[in-house]
Amino acid sequence: YKGTLVGVDTSDKVNVLDFFRIEFWVGLEYDIVTQKHYWSYDGSPLDDTWKAQIFGNT
């Protein structure tokens, strides 16, 4: 699937396994080498707020 995240609560902090579930079902691309997260829809990197919430580094 490609597109925006749907049905994902951004206030929840997800772990690595959740990343791969999100990638599989929604198409969020996770680059392990650079540790950056991209929308597969348009290739734009997620903003810092998303990164902080995803990593739990708030």
N, C-alpha and C. Protein backbone atom coordinates (compact mmCIF):
# COMPACT_ATOMS: atom_id res chain seq x y z
N TYR A 1 0.83 -1.20 0.00
CA TYR A 1 0.00 0.00 0.00
C TYR A 1 0.87 1.25 0.00
N LYS A 2 0.36 2.30 -0.65
CA LYS A 2 1.05 3.58 -0.61
C LYS A 2 0.04 4.65 -0.22
N GLY A 3 0.51 5.61 0.58
CA GLY A 3 -0.38 6.68 0.99
C GLY A 3 -0.03 7.16 2.37
N THR A 4 -0.89 7.97 2.94
CA THR A 4 -0.62 8.52 4.26
C THR A 4 -0.97 7.49 5.32
N LEU A 5 -0.43 7.70 6.51
CA LEU A 5 -0.76 6.81 7.62
C LEU A 5 -2.24 6.97 7.96
N VAL A 6 -2.92 5.87 8.09
CA VAL A 6 -4.34 5.90 8.39
C VAL A 6 -4.61 5.01 9.60
N GLY A 7 -5.34 5.53 10.56
CA GLY A 7 -5.70 4.74 11.72
C GLY A 7 -4.55 4.52 12.67
N VAL A 8 -3.53 5.38 12.60
CA VAL A 8 -2.40 5.26 13.51
C VAL A 8 -2.42 6.45 14.45
N ASP A 9 -2.49 6.18 15.75
CA ASP A 9 -2.52 7.26 16.74
C ASP A 9 -1.10 7.75 16.95
N THR A 10 -0.82 8.99 16.55
CA THR A 10 0.54 9.51 16.63
C THR A 10 0.98 9.76 18.07
N SER A 11 0.04 9.74 19.01
CA SER A 11 0.42 9.94 20.40
C SER A 11 1.00 8.66 21.00
N ASP A 12 0.78 7.53 20.32
CA ASP A 12 1.35 6.27 20.80
C ASP A 12 2.80 6.16 20.38
N LYS A 13 3.63 5.66 21.30
CA LYS A 13 5.02 5.42 20.96
C LYS A 13 5.14 3.97 20.50
N VAL A 14 5.62 3.80 19.27
CA VAL A 14 5.67 2.46 18.70
C VAL A 14 7.09 1.93 18.75
N ASN A 15 7.22 0.61 18.79
CA ASN A 15 8.55 0.01 18.81
C ASN A 15 8.94 -0.43 17.41
N VAL A 16 10.11 -1.05 17.30
CA VAL A 16 10.64 -1.43 15.98
C VAL A 16 9.71 -2.39 15.27
N LEU A 17 9.12 -3.33 16.02
CA LEU A 17 8.21 -4.28 15.39
C LEU A 17 7.00 -3.55 14.80
N ASP A 18 6.54 -2.51 15.49
CA ASP A 18 5.43 -1.72 14.97
C ASP A 18 5.81 -1.04 13.66
N PHE A 19 7.08 -0.62 13.55
CA PHE A 19 7.54 -0.02 12.31
C PHE A 19 7.31 -0.95 11.14
N PHE A 20 7.72 -2.20 11.32
CA PHE A 20 7.63 -3.13 10.21
C PHE A 20 6.18 -3.47 9.90
N ARG A 21 5.33 -3.49 10.94
CA ARG A 21 3.90 -3.67 10.69
C ARG A 21 3.36 -2.49 9.89
N ILE A 22 3.74 -1.27 10.29
CA ILE A 22 3.29 -0.08 9.58
C ILE A 22 3.81 -0.12 8.14
N GLU A 23 5.08 -0.51 7.97
CA GLU A 23 5.66 -0.54 6.63
C GLU A 23 4.92 -1.55 5.76
N PHE A 24 4.59 -2.69 6.34
CA PHE A 24 3.95 -3.75 5.58
C PHE A 24 2.55 -3.34 5.15
N TRP A 25 1.79 -2.77 6.09
CA TRP A 25 0.38 -2.50 5.81
C TRP A 25 0.15 -1.14 5.16
N VAL A 26 0.95 -0.14 5.52
CA VAL A 26 0.66 1.22 5.07
C VAL A 26 1.65 1.70 4.02
N GLY A 27 2.89 1.18 4.07
CA GLY A 27 3.87 1.60 3.09
C GLY A 27 4.83 2.66 3.61
N LEU A 28 4.93 2.79 4.94
CA LEU A 28 5.92 3.69 5.51
C LEU A 28 7.29 3.07 5.34
N GLU A 29 8.22 3.83 4.77
CA GLU A 29 9.55 3.30 4.52
C GLU A 29 10.48 3.67 5.66
N TYR A 30 11.23 2.69 6.16
CA TYR A 30 12.15 2.91 7.27
C TYR A 30 13.56 2.59 6.79
N ASP A 31 14.45 3.58 6.82
CA ASP A 31 15.83 3.40 6.40
C ASP A 31 16.68 3.16 7.64
N ILE A 32 17.10 1.90 7.84
CA ILE A 32 17.84 1.53 9.04
C ILE A 32 19.19 2.24 9.08
N VAL A 33 19.82 2.42 7.91
CA VAL A 33 21.15 3.00 7.88
C VAL A 33 21.14 4.45 8.36
N THR A 34 20.20 5.24 7.84
CA THR A 34 20.15 6.65 8.20
C THR A 34 19.19 6.91 9.36
N GLN A 35 18.42 5.88 9.73
CA GLN A 35 17.41 6.00 10.79
C GLN A 35 16.46 7.16 10.51
N LYS A 36 16.09 7.32 9.24
CA LYS A 36 15.10 8.32 8.86
C LYS A 36 13.86 7.60 8.35
N HIS A 37 12.74 8.25 8.50
CA HIS A 37 11.47 7.64 8.13
C HIS A 37 10.83 8.47 7.02
N TYR A 38 10.32 7.79 6.02
CA TYR A 38 9.80 8.49 4.86
C TYR A 38 8.39 8.04 4.56
N TRP A 39 7.58 8.99 4.09
CA TRP A 39 6.31 8.62 3.48
C TRP A 39 6.64 7.97 2.14
N SER A 40 6.18 6.76 1.92
CA SER A 40 6.40 6.15 0.61
C SER A 40 5.55 6.85 -0.44
N TYR A 41 4.51 7.56 0.02
CA TYR A 41 3.60 8.23 -0.92
C TYR A 41 4.34 9.28 -1.75
N ASP A 42 5.14 10.11 -1.08
CA ASP A 42 5.83 11.18 -1.82
C ASP A 42 7.32 11.25 -1.49
N GLY A 43 7.81 10.39 -0.61
CA GLY A 43 9.23 10.36 -0.28
C GLY A 43 9.66 11.46 0.68
N SER A 44 8.69 12.20 1.24
CA SER A 44 9.06 13.27 2.16
C SER A 44 9.38 12.70 3.54
N PRO A 45 10.46 13.18 4.17
CA PRO A 45 10.77 12.71 5.52
C PRO A 45 9.72 13.20 6.52
N LEU A 46 9.48 12.39 7.53
CA LEU A 46 8.57 12.80 8.60
C LEU A 46 9.21 13.93 9.39
N ASP A 47 8.39 14.80 9.96
CA ASP A 47 8.93 15.93 10.69
C ASP A 47 9.45 15.49 12.06
N ASP A 48 10.12 16.42 12.76
CA ASP A 48 10.77 16.08 14.02
C ASP A 48 9.78 15.62 15.07
N THR A 49 8.56 16.18 15.05
CA THR A 49 7.55 15.77 16.02
C THR A 49 7.23 14.30 15.85
N TRP A 50 7.03 13.89 14.59
CA TRP A 50 6.78 12.47 14.32
C TRP A 50 7.92 11.61 14.80
N LYS A 51 9.17 12.04 14.49
CA LYS A 51 10.33 11.25 14.88
C LYS A 51 10.41 11.11 16.39
N ALA A 52 10.17 12.23 17.09
CA ALA A 52 10.23 12.19 18.55
C ALA A 52 9.18 11.24 19.11
N GLN A 53 7.98 11.30 18.55
CA GLN A 53 6.91 10.44 19.05
C GLN A 53 7.18 8.98 18.71
N ILE A 54 7.71 8.74 17.51
CA ILE A 54 7.98 7.37 17.09
C ILE A 54 9.09 6.76 17.94
N PHE A 55 10.16 7.53 18.15
CA PHE A 55 11.30 7.00 18.90
C PHE A 55 11.07 7.05 20.40
N GLY A 56 10.11 7.85 20.85
CA GLY A 56 9.88 7.99 22.28
C GLY A 56 10.86 8.95 22.93
N ASN A 57 11.52 9.77 22.13
CA ASN A 57 12.49 10.73 22.66
C ASN A 57 11.82 12.09 22.80
N THR A 58 10.79 12.17 23.62
CA THR A 58 10.08 13.43 23.76
C THR A 58 10.70 14.26 24.87
